[in-house]
Amino acid sequence: MIKKCDHPNCTKAGTCRAPKSRDLKDYWFFCQEHAAEYNKNWNYYANMTPDEIEDDWERQTFGAPLKDKDTANTDAKNYEQFINDFITGRSKFDKMPVKSKLPTNVIGALKVFGLGISATWREVGVKYRTMAKMYHPDTATDKQNAATEFARISAAYEILKKHYGKK
């Protein structure tokens, strides 16, 4: 059954539904022209405080309003800071204490090269070549420590080679 437009003095068909209140249980039926006019002026959050709006949003989104807003705001700030620090300072994160399931010898080998646990094989290779040139006994300026340091770098490289599955 098609209703007549609920706008006074309109004789067109009321084909567009528009809510009468925030509970969305009762509706007006307007023609397209009057529905557009009504919707342009209707505000779901009219006469609500910002806290009531936020509670309503939380209820609509999560099924219940947020109980402790201070904790949520602190958590949000901490998360925002974490993400910002991660994006702008990856090197800082690579040097954070390791909480991973990597074997300790792999972690130790990465530390030899000054790399974090997220290092790629390419980064390992670049560091190895740089340090090997610096500490190779034939080219090093400090001949006394060069052999020891070169052996340490080579051993670390072999550990990482196995870890990354390289031959």
Protein backbone atom coordinates (compact mmCIF):
# COMPACT_ATOMS: atom_id res chain seq x y z
CA MET A 1 0.00 0.00 0.00
CA ILE A 2 1.41 3.38 -1.01
CA LYS A 3 0.87 6.16 1.51
CA LYS A 4 0.35 9.81 0.77
CA CYS A 5 3.29 12.14 1.63
CA ASP A 6 3.13 13.16 5.32
CA HIS A 7 4.18 16.75 4.54
CA PRO A 8 1.21 19.13 4.93
CA ASN A 9 -0.59 20.00 1.69
CA CYS A 10 1.44 17.49 -0.41
CA THR A 11 -0.52 15.06 -2.57
CA LYS A 12 2.41 13.04 -3.93
CA ALA A 13 3.14 9.43 -2.94
CA GLY A 14 5.08 9.00 0.30
CA THR A 15 7.70 6.56 -0.96
CA CYS A 16 10.62 7.73 1.21
CA ARG A 17 10.83 6.75 4.86
CA ALA A 18 12.27 9.25 7.37
CA PRO A 19 12.68 8.68 11.14
CA LYS A 20 10.50 10.66 13.54
CA SER A 21 12.88 10.20 16.48
CA ARG A 22 16.23 8.78 17.51
CA ASP A 23 14.81 5.39 18.53
CA LEU A 24 14.10 4.71 14.82
CA LYS A 25 10.82 2.91 15.54
CA ASP A 26 8.38 5.38 14.02
CA TYR A 27 8.72 6.96 10.58
CA TRP A 28 7.32 9.65 8.35
CA PHE A 29 6.62 8.84 4.73
CA PHE A 30 7.55 11.66 2.37
CA CYS A 31 7.84 12.18 -1.34
CA GLN A 32 11.44 12.48 -2.56
CA GLU A 33 11.40 16.28 -2.45
CA HIS A 34 10.14 16.51 1.14
CA ALA A 35 12.32 13.60 2.31
CA ALA A 36 15.40 15.42 1.05
CA GLU A 37 14.32 18.62 2.81
CA TYR A 38 13.58 16.74 6.06
CA ASN A 39 16.86 14.80 6.01
CA LYS A 40 18.87 17.93 5.35
CA ASN A 41 17.53 19.46 8.58
CA TRP A 42 17.30 16.34 10.77
CA ASN A 43 20.17 15.63 13.18
CA TYR A 44 20.28 12.25 14.92
CA TYR A 45 22.44 13.72 17.70
CA ALA A 46 20.36 16.87 18.30
CA ASN A 47 20.02 17.81 21.99
CA MET A 48 22.73 15.35 23.09
CA THR A 49 25.89 16.28 24.98
CA PRO A 50 29.27 15.19 23.58
CA ASP A 51 29.49 12.47 26.27
CA GLU A 52 26.04 11.15 25.36
CA ILE A 53 27.02 11.12 21.69
CA GLU A 54 30.20 9.20 22.48
CA ASP A 55 28.29 6.70 24.68
CA ASP A 56 25.74 6.19 21.93
CA TRP A 57 28.47 5.68 19.36
CA GLU A 58 30.23 3.15 21.64
CA ARG A 59 26.94 1.32 22.21
CA GLN A 60 26.18 1.23 18.46
CA THR A 61 29.71 0.10 17.57
CA PHE A 62 30.67 -2.24 20.42
CA GLY A 63 27.38 -3.04 22.12
CA ALA A 64 28.17 -1.18 25.34
CA PRO A 65 29.41 2.28 26.27
CA LEU A 66 33.00 2.67 27.35
CA LYS A 67 33.25 2.59 31.15
CA ASP A 68 36.62 4.19 31.84
CA LYS A 69 37.29 6.96 29.32
CA ASP A 70 40.49 8.13 31.04
CA THR A 71 42.08 4.70 30.65
CA ALA A 72 40.92 4.50 27.04
CA ASN A 73 42.34 7.95 26.27
CA THR A 74 45.67 7.03 27.90
CA ASP A 75 45.78 3.74 25.98
CA ALA A 76 45.01 5.58 22.74
CA LYS A 77 47.80 8.10 23.38
CA ASN A 78 50.26 5.31 24.23
CA TYR A 79 49.31 3.41 21.08
CA GLU A 80 49.62 6.55 18.97
CA GLN A 81 53.07 7.23 20.46
CA PHE A 82 54.13 3.62 19.83
CA ILE A 83 53.06 3.76 16.17
CA ASN A 84 54.70 7.16 15.67
CA ASP A 85 57.95 5.95 17.26
CA PHE A 86 57.89 2.80 15.15
CA ILE A 87 57.37 4.69 11.90
CA THR A 88 59.87 7.46 12.57
CA GLY A 89 62.53 5.50 14.45
CA ARG A 90 62.77 1.91 13.29
CA SER A 91 66.40 1.68 14.33
CA LYS A 92 65.34 2.30 17.93
CA PHE A 93 62.90 -0.63 17.74
CA ASP A 94 65.49 -2.93 16.21
CA LYS A 95 67.65 -2.43 19.28
CA MET A 96 64.84 -3.07 21.80
CA PRO A 97 65.17 -6.10 24.07
CA VAL A 98 64.39 -9.17 22.07
CA LYS A 99 61.19 -11.04 22.85
CA SER A 100 61.23 -13.60 20.11
CA LYS A 101 61.64 -17.28 19.53
CA LEU A 102 64.88 -16.84 17.60
CA PRO A 103 67.71 -19.05 18.80
CA THR A 104 70.20 -17.21 21.00
CA ASN A 105 73.06 -17.86 18.57
CA VAL A 106 71.11 -16.09 15.79
CA ILE A 107 70.37 -13.14 18.08
CA GLY A 108 74.04 -13.00 19.03
CA ALA A 109 75.08 -13.11 15.37
CA LEU A 110 72.72 -10.24 14.54
CA LYS A 111 74.23 -8.23 17.40
CA VAL A 112 77.72 -8.76 15.96
CA PHE A 113 76.52 -6.87 12.90
CA GLY A 114 74.54 -4.34 14.94
CA LEU A 115 71.26 -5.51 13.39
CA GLY A 116 67.86 -6.05 14.96
CA ILE A 117 65.69 -9.15 14.77
CA SER A 118 63.78 -7.77 11.79
CA ALA A 119 66.91 -7.59 9.63
CA THR A 120 66.71 -9.02 6.14
CA TRP A 121 69.26 -11.28 4.48
CA ARG A 122 70.23 -8.38 2.24
CA GLU A 123 70.99 -6.18 5.28
CA VAL A 124 73.10 -8.98 6.77
CA GLY A 125 75.05 -9.30 3.51
CA VAL A 126 75.70 -5.56 3.27
CA LYS A 127 76.93 -5.40 6.90
CA TYR A 128 79.09 -8.49 6.45
CA ARG A 129 80.84 -7.15 3.34
CA THR A 130 81.42 -3.75 4.97
CA MET A 131 82.84 -5.24 8.17
CA ALA A 132 84.84 -7.93 6.35
CA LYS A 133 86.64 -5.27 4.28
CA MET A 134 87.33 -3.29 7.44
CA TYR A 135 88.69 -6.24 9.50
CA HIS A 136 90.23 -8.53 6.88
CA PRO A 137 93.80 -9.29 8.06
CA ASP A 138 95.29 -8.31 4.67
CA THR A 139 93.64 -4.88 4.53
CA ALA A 140 93.04 -3.86 8.18
CA THR A 141 95.03 -1.03 9.72
CA ASP A 142 94.92 -2.63 13.20
CA LYS A 143 96.60 -5.96 12.42
CA GLN A 144 96.58 -7.21 16.06
CA ASN A 145 92.79 -7.30 16.49
CA ALA A 146 91.91 -7.81 12.83
CA ALA A 147 92.25 -11.61 12.76
CA THR A 148 90.14 -12.07 15.91
CA GLU A 149 87.46 -9.65 14.73
CA PHE A 150 87.38 -11.15 11.24
CA ALA A 151 86.93 -14.65 12.72
CA ARG A 152 84.05 -13.37 14.89
CA ILE A 153 82.35 -11.71 11.89
CA SER A 154 82.81 -14.83 9.74
CA ALA A 155 81.37 -17.11 12.43
CA ALA A 156 78.36 -14.82 12.87
CA TYR A 157 77.85 -14.75 9.10
CA GLU A 158 77.87 -18.55 8.92
CA ILE A 159 75.24 -18.77 11.68
CA LEU A 160 73.01 -16.29 9.87
CA LYS A 161 73.59 -18.04 6.55
CA LYS A 162 72.16 -21.26 8.02
CA HIS A 163 69.33 -19.37 9.71
CA TYR A 164 68.25 -17.64 6.48
CA GLY A 165 68.59 -20.93 4.55
CA LYS A 166 71.43 -19.80 2.30
CA LYS A 167 74.12 -22.16 1.01
